[in-house]
Amino acid sequence: MQFTKRNLIKTAAVGSALLGAVAVAAPASANSFGPTDYGTGGQAMVSYDDGADRFCITNNGLLTQSYIYIGPSSGRGPSHFFKVYQGQTKCVSLARAYEDSRYYYQVGGHEPVDFYS
């Protein structure tokens, strides 16, 4: 009876340690999204990787070039304005943005789309 109880305690301890290690190893990326064509009129695929602070856009080839603006909704922070040609992917860093600050992207003349950096 004691042998089984001891093994059960060891198994629980090892399982807890492994679960804790996995929880620490997985980075929080609650603000990540995409890839999605939301807000692009089908012109592009956009994504944001919160862990790497990278916003990426890929031109789907519907237009020769797509213009994109990324900037803070209010307050300070980095902003980017650039164009992406057919089939091209470009990524920009938002590492200098304040954590969990509100940003938006706008592709061409489409409505701006909010997200959090």
PDB file of N, CA and C in Angstrom:
ATOM      1  N   MET A   1       0.822  -1.183   0.000  1.00  0.00           N
ATOM      2  CA  MET A   1       0.000   0.000   0.000  1.00  0.00           C
ATOM      3  C   MET A   1       0.871   1.253   0.000  1.00  0.00           C
ATOM      4  N   GLN A   2       1.937   1.274   0.822  1.00  0.00           N
ATOM      5  CA  GLN A   2       2.815   2.423   0.908  1.00  0.00           C
ATOM      6  C   GLN A   2       3.572   2.643  -0.405  1.00  0.00           C
ATOM      7  N   PHE A   3       3.968   1.579  -1.067  1.00  0.00           N
ATOM      8  CA  PHE A   3       4.700   1.669  -2.325  1.00  0.00           C
ATOM      9  C   PHE A   3       3.867   2.391  -3.382  1.00  0.00           C
ATOM     10  N   THR A   4       2.600   2.091  -3.490  1.00  0.00           N
ATOM     11  CA  THR A   4       1.712   2.718  -4.465  1.00  0.00           C
ATOM     12  C   THR A   4       1.507   4.189  -4.134  1.00  0.00           C
ATOM     13  N   LYS A   5       1.358   4.507  -2.875  1.00  0.00           N
ATOM     14  CA  LYS A   5       1.155   5.883  -2.450  1.00  0.00           C
ATOM     15  C   LYS A   5       2.383   6.725  -2.785  1.00  0.00           C
ATOM     16  N   ARG A   6       3.585   6.188  -2.555  1.00  0.00           N
ATOM     17  CA  ARG A   6       4.828   6.896  -2.834  1.00  0.00           C
ATOM     18  C   ARG A   6       4.957   7.148  -4.343  1.00  0.00           C
ATOM     19  N   ASN A   7       4.648   6.137  -5.155  1.00  0.00           N
ATOM     20  CA  ASN A   7       4.710   6.304  -6.613  1.00  0.00           C
ATOM     21  C   ASN A   7       3.703   7.353  -7.098  1.00  0.00           C
ATOM     22  N   LEU A   8       2.538   7.362  -6.483  1.00  0.00           N
ATOM     23  CA  LEU A   8       1.519   8.335  -6.857  1.00  0.00           C
ATOM     24  C   LEU A   8       1.996   9.753  -6.555  1.00  0.00           C
ATOM     25  N   ILE A   9       2.646   9.950  -5.422  1.00  0.00           N
ATOM     26  CA  ILE A   9       3.161  11.272  -5.045  1.00  0.00           C
ATOM     27  C   ILE A   9       4.280  11.697  -6.001  1.00  0.00           C
ATOM     28  N   LYS A  10       5.178  10.766  -6.336  1.00  0.00           N
ATOM     29  CA  LYS A  10       6.262  11.076  -7.276  1.00  0.00           C
ATOM     30  C   LYS A  10       5.695  11.447  -8.640  1.00  0.00           C
ATOM     31  N   THR A  11       4.714  10.695  -9.101  1.00  0.00           N
ATOM     32  CA  THR A  11       4.104  10.962 -10.406  1.00  0.00           C
ATOM     33  C   THR A  11       3.445  12.337 -10.418  1.00  0.00           C
ATOM     34  N   ALA A  12       2.755  12.682  -9.351  1.00  0.00           N
ATOM     35  CA  ALA A  12       2.108  13.991  -9.261  1.00  0.00           C
ATOM     36  C   ALA A  12       3.139  15.113  -9.251  1.00  0.00           C
ATOM     37  N   ALA A  13       4.253  14.933  -8.548  1.00  0.00           N
ATOM     38  CA  ALA A  13       5.301  15.948  -8.478  1.00  0.00           C
ATOM     39  C   ALA A  13       5.959  16.153  -9.840  1.00  0.00           C
ATOM     40  N   VAL A  14       6.272  15.055 -10.528  1.00  0.00           N
ATOM     41  CA  VAL A  14       6.895  15.155 -11.852  1.00  0.00           C
ATOM     42  C   VAL A  14       5.923  15.802 -12.842  1.00  0.00           C
ATOM     43  N   GLY A  15       4.674  15.409 -12.796  1.00  0.00           N
ATOM     44  CA  GLY A  15       3.664  15.989 -13.686  1.00  0.00           C
ATOM     45  C   GLY A  15       3.499  17.475 -13.452  1.00  0.00           C
ATOM     46  N   SER A  16       3.485  17.906 -12.198  1.00  0.00           N
ATOM     47  CA  SER A  16       3.373  19.332 -11.873  1.00  0.00           C
ATOM     48  C   SER A  16       4.581  20.106 -12.379  1.00  0.00           C
ATOM     49  N   ALA A  17       5.760  19.539 -12.227  1.00  0.00           N
ATOM     50  CA  ALA A  17       6.984  20.208 -12.689  1.00  0.00           C
ATOM     51  C   ALA A  17       6.972  20.364 -14.209  1.00  0.00           C
ATOM     52  N   LEU A  18       6.555  19.322 -14.914  1.00  0.00           N
ATOM     53  CA  LEU A  18       6.495  19.409 -16.378  1.00  0.00           C
ATOM     54  C   LEU A  18       5.461  20.427 -16.834  1.00  0.00           C
ATOM     55  N   LEU A  19       4.314  20.457 -16.205  1.00  0.00           N
ATOM     56  CA  LEU A  19       3.278  21.413 -16.545  1.00  0.00           C
ATOM     57  C   LEU A  19       3.756  22.834 -16.296  1.00  0.00           C
ATOM     58  N   GLY A  20       4.461  23.056 -15.203  1.00  0.00           N
ATOM     59  CA  GLY A  20       5.017  24.371 -14.900  1.00  0.00           C
ATOM     60  C   GLY A  20       6.046  24.801 -15.924  1.00  0.00           C
ATOM     61  N   ALA A  21       6.880  23.883 -16.369  1.00  0.00           N
ATOM     62  CA  ALA A  21       7.901  24.195 -17.372  1.00  0.00           C
ATOM     63  C   ALA A  21       7.259  24.579 -18.696  1.00  0.00           C
ATOM     64  N   VAL A  22       6.197  23.894 -19.083  1.00  0.00           N
ATOM     65  CA  VAL A  22       5.501  24.215 -20.326  1.00  0.00           C
ATOM     66  C   VAL A  22       4.847  25.583 -20.223  1.00  0.00           C
ATOM     67  N   ALA A  23       4.264  25.887 -19.086  1.00  0.00           N
ATOM     68  CA  ALA A  23       3.599  27.187 -18.902  1.00  0.00           C
ATOM     69  C   ALA A  23       4.600  28.330 -18.988  1.00  0.00           C
ATOM     70  N   VAL A  24       5.793  28.159 -18.454  1.00  0.00           N
ATOM     71  CA  VAL A  24       6.813  29.197 -18.495  1.00  0.00           C
ATOM     72  C   VAL A  24       7.386  29.327 -19.903  1.00  0.00           C
ATOM     73  N   ALA A  25       7.521  28.240 -20.622  1.00  0.00           N
ATOM     74  CA  ALA A  25       8.134  28.254 -21.951  1.00  0.00           C
ATOM     75  C   ALA A  25       7.231  28.873 -23.006  1.00  0.00           C
ATOM     76  N   ALA A  26       5.927  28.816 -22.833  1.00  0.00           N
ATOM     77  CA  ALA A  26       5.012  29.349 -23.832  1.00  0.00           C
ATOM     78  C   ALA A  26       4.859  30.856 -23.654  1.00  0.00           C
ATOM     79  N   PRO A  27       5.295  31.677 -24.640  1.00  0.00           N
ATOM     80  CA  PRO A  27       5.186  33.123 -24.504  1.00  0.00           C
ATOM     81  C   PRO A  27       3.740  33.580 -24.637  1.00  0.00           C
ATOM     82  N   ALA A  28       3.422  34.639 -23.911  1.00  0.00           N
ATOM     83  CA  ALA A  28       2.077  35.201 -24.004  1.00  0.00           C
ATOM     84  C   ALA A  28       1.961  35.976 -25.301  1.00  0.00           C
ATOM     85  N   SER A  29       0.935  35.688 -26.063  1.00  0.00           N
ATOM     86  CA  SER A  29       0.725  36.398 -27.322  1.00  0.00           C
ATOM     87  C   SER A  29      -0.763  36.647 -27.524  1.00  0.00           C
ATOM     88  N   ALA A  30      -1.383  37.216 -26.515  1.00  0.00           N
ATOM     89  CA  ALA A  30      -2.824  37.416 -26.535  1.00  0.00           C
ATOM     90  C   ALA A  30      -3.259  38.386 -27.625  1.00  0.00           C
ATOM     91  N   ASN A  31      -2.370  39.281 -28.065  1.00  0.00           N
ATOM     92  CA  ASN A  31      -2.749  40.276 -29.057  1.00  0.00           C
ATOM     93  C   ASN A  31      -2.414  39.858 -30.487  1.00  0.00           C
ATOM     94  N   SER A  32      -1.851  38.697 -30.670  1.00  0.00           N
ATOM     95  CA  SER A  32      -1.511  38.222 -32.013  1.00  0.00           C
ATOM     96  C   SER A  32      -2.784  37.935 -32.813  1.00  0.00           C
ATOM     97  N   PHE A  33      -2.689  38.110 -34.129  1.00  0.00           N
ATOM     98  CA  PHE A  33      -3.814  37.762 -34.995  1.00  0.00           C
ATOM     99  C   PHE A  33      -3.301  37.436 -36.396  1.00  0.00           C
ATOM    100  N   GLY A  34      -4.198  36.854 -37.198  1.00  0.00           N
ATOM    101  CA  GLY A  34      -3.935  36.611 -38.608  1.00  0.00           C
ATOM    102  C   GLY A  34      -3.188  35.323 -38.858  1.00  0.00           C
ATOM    103  N   PRO A  35      -2.912  35.074 -40.096  1.00  0.00           N
ATOM    104  CA  PRO A  35      -3.160  35.968 -41.225  1.00  0.00           C
ATOM    105  C   PRO A  35      -4.650  36.075 -41.566  1.00  0.00           C
ATOM    106  N   THR A  36      -5.042  37.293 -41.957  1.00  0.00           N
ATOM    107  CA  THR A  36      -6.423  37.581 -42.307  1.00  0.00           C
ATOM    108  C   THR A  36      -6.448  38.648 -43.392  1.00  0.00           C
ATOM    109  N   ASP A  37      -7.504  38.657 -44.177  1.00  0.00           N
ATOM    110  CA  ASP A  37      -7.654  39.730 -45.155  1.00  0.00           C
ATOM    111  C   ASP A  37      -8.669  40.766 -44.681  1.00  0.00           C
ATOM    112  N   TYR A  38      -9.050  40.700 -43.409  1.00  0.00           N
ATOM    113  CA  TYR A  38     -10.027  41.628 -42.838  1.00  0.00           C
ATOM    114  C   TYR A  38      -9.541  43.075 -42.984  1.00  0.00           C
ATOM    115  N   GLY A  39     -10.387  43.915 -43.541  1.00  0.00           N
ATOM    116  CA  GLY A  39     -10.068  45.327 -43.706  1.00  0.00           C
ATOM    117  C   GLY A  39      -9.196  45.640 -44.907  1.00  0.00           C
ATOM    118  N   THR A  40      -8.933  44.659 -45.753  1.00  0.00           N
ATOM    119  CA  THR A  40      -8.063  44.893 -46.910  1.00  0.00           C
ATOM    120  C   THR A  40      -8.816  44.822 -48.233  1.00  0.00           C
ATOM    121  N   GLY A  41     -10.088  44.498 -48.210  1.00  0.00           N
ATOM    122  CA  GLY A  41     -10.841  44.343 -49.447  1.00  0.00           C
ATOM    123  C   GLY A  41     -10.332  43.193 -50.296  1.00  0.00           C
ATOM    124  N   GLY A  42      -9.695  42.219 -49.633  1.00  0.00           N
ATOM    125  CA  GLY A  42      -9.150  41.075 -50.339  1.00  0.00           C
ATOM    126  C   GLY A  42      -7.817  41.354 -51.031  1.00  0.00           C
ATOM    127  N   GLN A  43      -7.282  42.568 -50.858  1.00  0.00           N
ATOM    128  CA  GLN A  43      -6.021  42.951 -51.503  1.00  0.00           C
ATOM    129  C   GLN A  43      -4.804  42.321 -50.849  1.00  0.00           C
ATOM    130  N   ALA A  44      -4.906  42.018 -49.565  1.00  0.00           N
ATOM    131  CA  ALA A  44      -3.709  41.592 -48.836  1.00  0.00           C
ATOM    132  C   ALA A  44      -4.074  40.700 -47.668  1.00  0.00           C
ATOM    133  N   MET A  45      -3.059  40.017 -47.148  1.00  0.00           N
ATOM    134  CA  MET A  45      -3.180  39.246 -45.911  1.00  0.00           C
ATOM    135  C   MET A  45      -2.302  39.944 -44.883  1.00  0.00           C
ATOM    136  N   VAL A  46      -2.871  40.210 -43.719  1.00  0.00           N
ATOM    137  CA  VAL A  46      -2.120  40.878 -42.656  1.00  0.00           C
ATOM    138  C   VAL A  46      -2.064  39.983 -41.430  1.00  0.00           C
ATOM    139  N   SER A  47      -1.015  40.163 -40.634  1.00  0.00           N
ATOM    140  CA  SER A  47      -0.890  39.413 -39.386  1.00  0.00           C
ATOM    141  C   SER A  47      -0.031  40.216 -38.419  1.00  0.00           C
ATOM    142  N   TYR A  48      -0.221  39.927 -37.139  1.00  0.00           N
ATOM    143  CA  TYR A  48       0.584  40.556 -36.104  1.00  0.00           C
ATOM    144  C   TYR A  48       1.016  39.480 -35.115  1.00  0.00           C
ATOM    145  N   ASP A  49       2.320  39.400 -34.871  1.00  0.00           N
ATOM    146  CA  ASP A  49       2.895  38.461 -33.907  1.00  0.00           C
ATOM    147  C   ASP A  49       3.314  39.265 -32.688  1.00  0.00           C
ATOM    148  N   ASP A  50       2.522  39.188 -31.632  1.00  0.00           N
ATOM    149  CA  ASP A  50       2.770  39.975 -30.421  1.00  0.00           C
ATOM    150  C   ASP A  50       4.088  39.592 -29.757  1.00  0.00           C
ATOM    151  N   GLY A  51       4.432  38.319 -29.781  1.00  0.00           N
ATOM    152  CA  GLY A  51       5.679  37.876 -29.148  1.00  0.00           C
ATOM    153  C   GLY A  51       6.909  38.457 -29.816  1.00  0.00           C
ATOM    154  N   ALA A  52       6.875  38.618 -31.130  1.00  0.00           N
ATOM    155  CA  ALA A  52       8.005  39.168 -31.886  1.00  0.00           C
ATOM    156  C   ALA A  52       7.809  40.650 -32.210  1.00  0.00           C
ATOM    157  N   ASP A  53       6.651  41.212 -31.872  1.00  0.00           N
ATOM    158  CA  ASP A  53       6.318  42.614 -32.176  1.00  0.00           C
ATOM    159  C   ASP A  53       6.450  42.914 -33.670  1.00  0.00           C
ATOM    160  N   ARG A  54       5.959  41.990 -34.499  1.00  0.00           N
ATOM    161  CA  ARG A  54       6.076  42.144 -35.965  1.00  0.00           C
ATOM    162  C   ARG A  54       4.707  42.159 -36.622  1.00  0.00           C
ATOM    163  N   PHE A  55       4.492  43.188 -37.433  1.00  0.00           N
ATOM    164  CA  PHE A  55       3.289  43.298 -38.247  1.00  0.00           C
ATOM    165  C   PHE A  55       3.697  42.999 -39.682  1.00  0.00           C
ATOM    166  N   CYS A  56       3.014  42.048 -40.326  1.00  0.00           N
ATOM    167  CA  CYS A  56       3.360  41.652 -41.695  1.00  0.00           C
ATOM    168  C   CYS A  56       2.155  41.782 -42.616  1.00  0.00           C
ATOM    169  N   ILE A  57       2.450  42.098 -43.875  1.00  0.00           N
ATOM    170  CA  ILE A  57       1.418  42.185 -44.906  1.00  0.00           C
ATOM    171  C   ILE A  57       1.946  41.532 -46.173  1.00  0.00           C
ATOM    172  N   THR A  58       1.074  40.772 -46.822  1.00  0.00           N
ATOM    173  CA  THR A  58       1.386  40.145 -48.102  1.00  0.00           C
ATOM    174  C   THR A  58       0.368  40.622 -49.130  1.00  0.00           C
ATOM    175  N   ASN A  59       0.837  41.185 -50.246  1.00  0.00           N
ATOM    176  CA  ASN A  59      -0.038  41.616 -51.329  1.00  0.00           C
ATOM    177  C   ASN A  59      -0.519  40.373 -52.063  1.00  0.00           C
ATOM    178  N   ASN A  60      -1.844  40.207 -52.155  1.00  0.00           N
ATOM    179  CA  ASN A  60      -2.432  39.031 -52.794  1.00  0.00           C
ATOM    180  C   ASN A  60      -2.348  39.055 -54.310  1.00  0.00           C
ATOM    181  N   GLY A  61      -1.911  40.156 -54.885  1.00  0.00           N
ATOM    182  CA  GLY A  61      -1.778  40.227 -56.331  1.00  0.00           C
ATOM    183  C   GLY A  61      -2.986  40.794 -57.043  1.00  0.00           C
ATOM    184  N   LEU A  62      -4.008  41.257 -56.317  1.00  0.00           N
ATOM    185  CA  LEU A  62      -5.172  41.857 -56.960  1.00  0.00           C
ATOM    186  C   LEU A  62      -4.828  43.215 -57.556  1.00  0.00           C
ATOM    187  N   LEU A  63      -3.932  43.924 -56.909  1.00  0.00           N
ATOM    188  CA  LEU A  63      -3.457  45.216 -57.393  1.00  0.00           C
ATOM    189  C   LEU A  63      -1.948  45.150 -57.567  1.00  0.00           C
ATOM    190  N   THR A  64      -1.420  46.008 -58.448  1.00  0.00           N
ATOM    191  CA  THR A  64       0.022  46.052 -58.660  1.00  0.00           C
ATOM    192  C   THR A  64       0.737  46.399 -57.365  1.00  0.00           C
ATOM    193  N   GLN A  65       0.143  47.312 -56.600  1.00  0.00           N
ATOM    194  CA  GLN A  65       0.735  47.691 -55.317  1.00  0.00           C
ATOM    195  C   GLN A  65      -0.370  48.031 -54.322  1.00  0.00           C
ATOM    196  N   SER A  66      -0.109  47.767 -53.073  1.00  0.00           N
ATOM    197  CA  SER A  66      -1.024  48.110 -51.995  1.00  0.00           C
ATOM    198  C   SER A  66      -0.299  49.064 -51.060  1.00  0.00           C
ATOM    199  N   TYR A  67      -0.970  50.142 -50.692  1.00  0.00           N
ATOM    200  CA  TYR A  67      -0.413  51.080 -49.730  1.00  0.00           C
ATOM    201  C   TYR A  67      -0.953  50.734 -48.352  1.00  0.00           C
ATOM    202  N   ILE A  68      -0.099  50.831 -47.360  1.00  0.00           N
ATOM    203  CA  ILE A  68      -0.535  50.511 -45.997  1.00  0.00           C
ATOM    204  C   ILE A  68       0.031  51.522 -45.020  1.00  0.00           C
ATOM    205  N   TYR A  69      -0.802  51.860 -44.043  1.00  0.00           N
ATOM    206  CA  TYR A  69      -0.381  52.724 -42.946  1.00  0.00           C
ATOM    207  C   TYR A  69      -0.636  51.966 -41.650  1.00  0.00           C
ATOM    208  N   ILE A  70       0.334  52.001 -40.756  1.00  0.00           N
ATOM    209  CA  ILE A  70       0.197  51.404 -39.420  1.00  0.00           C
ATOM    210  C   ILE A  70       0.604  52.488 -38.431  1.00  0.00           C
ATOM    211  N   GLY A  71      -0.259  52.761 -37.458  1.00  0.00           N
ATOM    212  CA  GLY A  71       0.082  53.800 -36.496  1.00  0.00           C
ATOM    213  C   GLY A  71      -0.744  53.702 -35.233  1.00  0.00           C
ATOM    214  N   PRO A  72      -0.346  54.464 -34.211  1.00  0.00           N
ATOM    215  CA  PRO A  72      -1.095  54.459 -32.954  1.00  0.00           C
ATOM    216  C   PRO A  72      -2.445  55.152 -33.127  1.00  0.00           C
ATOM    217  N   SER A  73      -3.468  54.626 -32.474  1.00  0.00           N
ATOM    218  CA  SER A  73      -4.798  55.225 -32.553  1.00  0.00           C
ATOM    219  C   SER A  73      -4.833  56.563 -31.829  1.00  0.00           C
ATOM    220  N   SER A  74      -4.074  56.672 -30.759  1.00  0.00           N
ATOM    221  CA  SER A  74      -3.931  57.937 -30.040  1.00  0.00           C
ATOM    222  C   SER A  74      -2.629  57.867 -29.253  1.00  0.00           C
ATOM    223  N   GLY A  75      -2.084  58.998 -28.993  1.00  0.00           N
ATOM    224  CA  GLY A  75      -0.839  59.007 -28.230  1.00  0.00           C
ATOM    225  C   GLY A  75       0.379  58.854 -29.110  1.00  0.00           C
ATOM    226  N   ARG A  76       1.460  58.401 -28.489  1.00  0.00           N
ATOM    227  CA  ARG A  76       2.733  58.293 -29.191  1.00  0.00           C
ATOM    228  C   ARG A  76       3.041  56.851 -29.544  1.00  0.00           C
ATOM    229  N   GLY A  77       3.990  56.728 -30.440  1.00  0.00           N
ATOM    230  CA  GLY A  77       4.460  55.404 -30.838  1.00  0.00           C
ATOM    231  C   GLY A  77       4.886  55.415 -32.288  1.00  0.00           C
ATOM    232  N   PRO A  78       5.581  54.376 -32.709  1.00  0.00           N
ATOM    233  CA  PRO A  78       6.054  54.330 -34.091  1.00  0.00           C
ATOM    234  C   PRO A  78       4.893  54.174 -35.071  1.00  0.00           C
ATOM    235  N   SER A  79       5.077  54.735 -36.255  1.00  0.00           N
ATOM    236  CA  SER A  79       4.113  54.539 -37.329  1.00  0.00           C
ATOM    237  C   SER A  79       4.898  54.209 -38.593  1.00  0.00           C
ATOM    238  N   HIS A  80       4.226  53.552 -39.517  1.00  0.00           N
ATOM    239  CA  HIS A  80       4.868  53.121 -40.758  1.00  0.00           C
ATOM    240  C   HIS A  80       3.907  53.343 -41.919  1.00  0.00           C
ATOM    241  N   PHE A  81       4.439  53.874 -43.022  1.00  0.00           N
ATOM    242  CA  PHE A  81       3.680  54.006 -44.262  1.00  0.00           C
ATOM    243  C   PHE A  81       4.557  53.453 -45.370  1.00  0.00           C
ATOM    244  N   PHE A  82       4.030  52.471 -46.112  1.00  0.00           N
ATOM    245  CA  PHE A  82       4.834  51.869 -47.162  1.00  0.00           C
ATOM    246  C   PHE A  82       3.922  51.202 -48.185  1.00  0.00           C
ATOM    247  N   LYS A  83       4.506  50.759 -49.288  1.00  0.00           N
ATOM    248  CA  LYS A  83       3.731  50.019 -50.286  1.00  0.00           C
ATOM    249  C   LYS A  83       4.311  48.630 -50.456  1.00  0.00           C
ATOM    250  N   VAL A  84       3.423  47.716 -50.820  1.00  0.00           N
ATOM    251  CA  VAL A  84       3.790  46.313 -51.007  1.00  0.00           C
ATOM    252  C   VAL A  84       3.342  45.928 -52.417  1.00  0.00           C
ATOM    253  N   TYR A  85       4.260  45.430 -53.216  1.00  0.00           N
ATOM    254  CA  TYR A  85       3.974  45.066 -54.597  1.00  0.00           C
ATOM    255  C   TYR A  85       3.387  43.658 -54.694  1.00  0.00           C
ATOM    256  N   GLN A  86       2.811  43.326 -55.854  1.00  0.00           N
ATOM    257  CA  GLN A  86       2.186  42.021 -56.083  1.00  0.00           C
ATOM    258  C   GLN A  86       3.083  40.882 -55.619  1.00  0.00           C
ATOM    259  N   GLY A  87       2.499  39.996 -54.802  1.00  0.00           N
ATOM    260  CA  GLY A  87       3.208  38.812 -54.337  1.00  0.00           C
ATOM    261  C   GLY A  87       4.273  39.068 -53.284  1.00  0.00           C
ATOM    262  N   GLN A  88       4.493  40.309 -52.909  1.00  0.00           N
ATOM    263  CA  GLN A  88       5.542  40.664 -51.953  1.00  0.00           C
ATOM    264  C   GLN A  88       5.005  40.653 -50.521  1.00  0.00           C
ATOM    265  N   THR A  89       5.869  40.299 -49.575  1.00  0.00           N
ATOM    266  CA  THR A  89       5.554  40.371 -48.147  1.00  0.00           C
ATOM    267  C   THR A  89       6.521  41.334 -47.493  1.00  0.00           C
ATOM    268  N   LYS A  90       5.995  42.210 -46.652  1.00  0.00           N
ATOM    269  CA  LYS A  90       6.835  43.118 -45.873  1.00  0.00           C
ATOM    270  C   LYS A  90       6.404  43.043 -44.420  1.00  0.00           C
ATOM    271  N   CYS A  91       7.380  43.139 -43.542  1.00  0.00           N
ATOM    272  CA  CYS A  91       7.123  43.144 -42.103  1.00  0.00           C
ATOM    273  C   CYS A  91       7.776  44.373 -41.486  1.00  0.00           C
ATOM    274  N   VAL A  92       7.123  44.926 -40.478  1.00  0.00           N
ATOM    275  CA  VAL A  92       7.684  46.053 -39.742  1.00  0.00           C
ATOM    276  C   VAL A  92       7.638  45.734 -38.259  1.00  0.00           C
ATOM    277  N   SER A  93       8.534  46.356 -37.524  1.00  0.00           N
ATOM    278  CA  SER A  93       8.628  46.124 -36.090  1.00  0.00           C
ATOM    279  C   SER A  93       7.802  47.152 -35.324  1.00  0.00           C
ATOM    280  N   LEU A  94       7.095  46.670 -34.325  1.00  0.00           N
ATOM    281  CA  LEU A  94       6.401  47.548 -33.387  1.00  0.00           C
ATOM    282  C   LEU A  94       6.998  47.378 -31.992  1.00  0.00           C
ATOM    283  N   ALA A  95       8.272  47.009 -31.941  1.00  0.00           N
ATOM    284  CA  ALA A  95       8.944  46.765 -30.666  1.00  0.00           C
ATOM    285  C   ALA A  95       9.029  48.033 -29.821  1.00  0.00           C
ATOM    286  N   ARG A  96       9.052  49.196 -30.463  1.00  0.00           N
ATOM    287  CA  ARG A  96       9.134  50.449 -29.704  1.00  0.00           C
ATOM    288  C   ARG A  96       7.764  50.937 -29.234  1.00  0.00           C
ATOM    289  N   ALA A  97       6.704  50.255 -29.639  1.00  0.00           N
ATOM    290  CA  ALA A  97       5.358  50.647 -29.210  1.00  0.00           C
ATOM    291  C   ALA A  97       5.167  50.290 -27.744  1.00  0.00           C
ATOM    292  N   TYR A  98       4.370  51.089 -27.053  1.00  0.00           N
ATOM    293  CA  TYR A  98       4.056  50.760 -25.667  1.00  0.00           C
ATOM    294  C   TYR A  98       3.255  49.462 -25.636  1.00  0.00           C
ATOM    295  N   GLU A  99       3.571  48.610 -24.684  1.00  0.00           N
ATOM    296  CA  GLU A  99       2.897  47.311 -24.573  1.00  0.00           C
ATOM    297  C   GLU A  99       1.393  47.503 -24.432  1.00  0.00           C
ATOM    298  N   ASP A 100       0.635  46.741 -25.187  1.00  0.00           N
ATOM    299  CA  ASP A 100      -0.832  46.752 -25.180  1.00  0.00           C
ATOM    300  C   ASP A 100      -1.418  48.106 -25.569  1.00  0.00           C
ATOM    301  N   SER A 101      -0.687  48.890 -26.375  1.00  0.00           N
ATOM    302  CA  SER A 101      -1.248  50.152 -26.842  1.00  0.00           C
ATOM    303  C   SER A 101      -2.110  49.891 -28.078  1.00  0.00           C
ATOM    304  N   ARG A 102      -3.066  50.762 -28.281  1.00  0.00           N
ATOM    305  CA  ARG A 102      -4.019  50.594 -29.377  1.00  0.00           C
ATOM    306  C   ARG A 102      -3.412  51.134 -30.671  1.00  0.00           C
ATOM    307  N   TYR A 103      -3.409  50.308 -31.688  1.00  0.00           N
ATOM    308  CA  TYR A 103      -2.890  50.650 -33.005  1.00  0.00           C
ATOM    309  C   TYR A 103      -3.957  50.399 -34.052  1.00  0.00           C
ATOM    310  N   TYR A 104      -3.696  50.860 -35.265  1.00  0.00           N
ATOM    311  CA  TYR A 104      -4.577  50.500 -36.370  1.00  0.00           C
ATOM    312  C   TYR A 104      -3.763  50.365 -37.641  1.00  0.00           C
ATOM    313  N   TYR A 105      -4.302  49.586 -38.567  1.00  0.00           N
ATOM    314  CA  TYR A 105      -3.724  49.499 -39.897  1.00  0.00           C
ATOM    315  C   TYR A 105      -4.793  49.887 -40.898  1.00  0.00           C
ATOM    316  N   GLN A 106      -4.350  50.449 -42.018  1.00  0.00           N
ATOM    317  CA  GLN A 106      -5.268  50.812 -43.086  1.00  0.00           C
ATOM    318  C   GLN A 106      -4.612  50.458 -44.408  1.00  0.00           C
ATOM    319  N   VAL A 107      -5.301  49.662 -45.202  1.00  0.00           N
ATOM    320  CA  VAL A 107      -4.797  49.217 -46.504  1.00  0.00           C
ATOM    321  C   VAL A 107      -5.583  49.955 -47.585  1.00  0.00           C
ATOM    322  N   GLY A 108      -4.850  50.695 -48.427  1.00  0.00           N
ATOM    323  CA  GLY A 108      -5.506  51.458 -49.482  1.00  0.00           C
ATOM    324  C   GLY A 108      -6.526  52.413 -48.895  1.00  0.00           C
ATOM    325  N   GLY A 109      -7.672  52.519 -49.533  1.00  0.00           N
ATOM    326  CA  GLY A 109      -8.727  53.410 -49.055  1.00  0.00           C
ATOM    327  C   GLY A 109      -9.744  52.705 -48.179  1.00  0.00           C
ATOM    328  N   HIS A 110      -9.423  51.520 -47.685  1.00  0.00           N
ATOM    329  CA  HIS A 110     -10.359  50.754 -46.864  1.00  0.00           C
ATOM    330  C   HIS A 110     -10.413  51.298 -45.438  1.00  0.00           C
ATOM    331  N   GLU A 111     -11.456  50.908 -44.731  1.00  0.00           N
ATOM    332  CA  GLU A 111     -11.641  51.353 -43.351  1.00  0.00           C
ATOM    333  C   GLU A 111     -10.473  50.905 -42.470  1.00  0.00           C
ATOM    334  N   PRO A 112     -10.042  51.750 -41.537  1.00  0.00           N
ATOM    335  CA  PRO A 112      -8.980  51.347 -40.606  1.00  0.00           C
ATOM    336  C   PRO A 112      -9.459  50.225 -39.687  1.00  0.00           C
ATOM    337  N   VAL A 113      -8.529  49.376 -39.274  1.00  0.00           N
ATOM    338  CA  VAL A 113      -8.817  48.239 -38.387  1.00  0.00           C
ATOM    339  C   VAL A 113      -7.945  48.374 -37.149  1.00  0.00           C
ATOM    340  N   ASP A 114      -8.569  48.384 -35.975  1.00  0.00           N
ATOM    341  CA  ASP A 114      -7.845  48.500 -34.707  1.00  0.00           C
ATOM    342  C   ASP A 114      -7.271  47.163 -34.265  1.00  0.00           C
ATOM    343  N   PHE A 115      -6.138  47.235 -33.579  1.00  0.00           N
ATOM    344  CA  PHE A 115      -5.554  46.078 -32.899  1.00  0.00           C
ATOM    345  C   PHE A 115      -4.686  46.588 -31.769  1.00  0.00           C
ATOM    346  N   TYR A 116      -4.227  45.703 -30.903  1.00  0.00           N
ATOM    347  CA  TYR A 116      -3.366  46.074 -29.776  1.00  0.00           C
ATOM    348  C   TYR A 116      -1.988  45.495 -29.972  1.00  0.00           C
ATOM    349  N   SER A 117      -0.980  46.351 -29.770  1.00  0.00           N
ATOM    350  CA  SER A 117       0.417  45.901 -29.947  1.00  0.00           C
ATOM    351  C   SER A 117       0.915  45.232 -28.686  1.00  0.00           C
TER     352      SER A 117
END
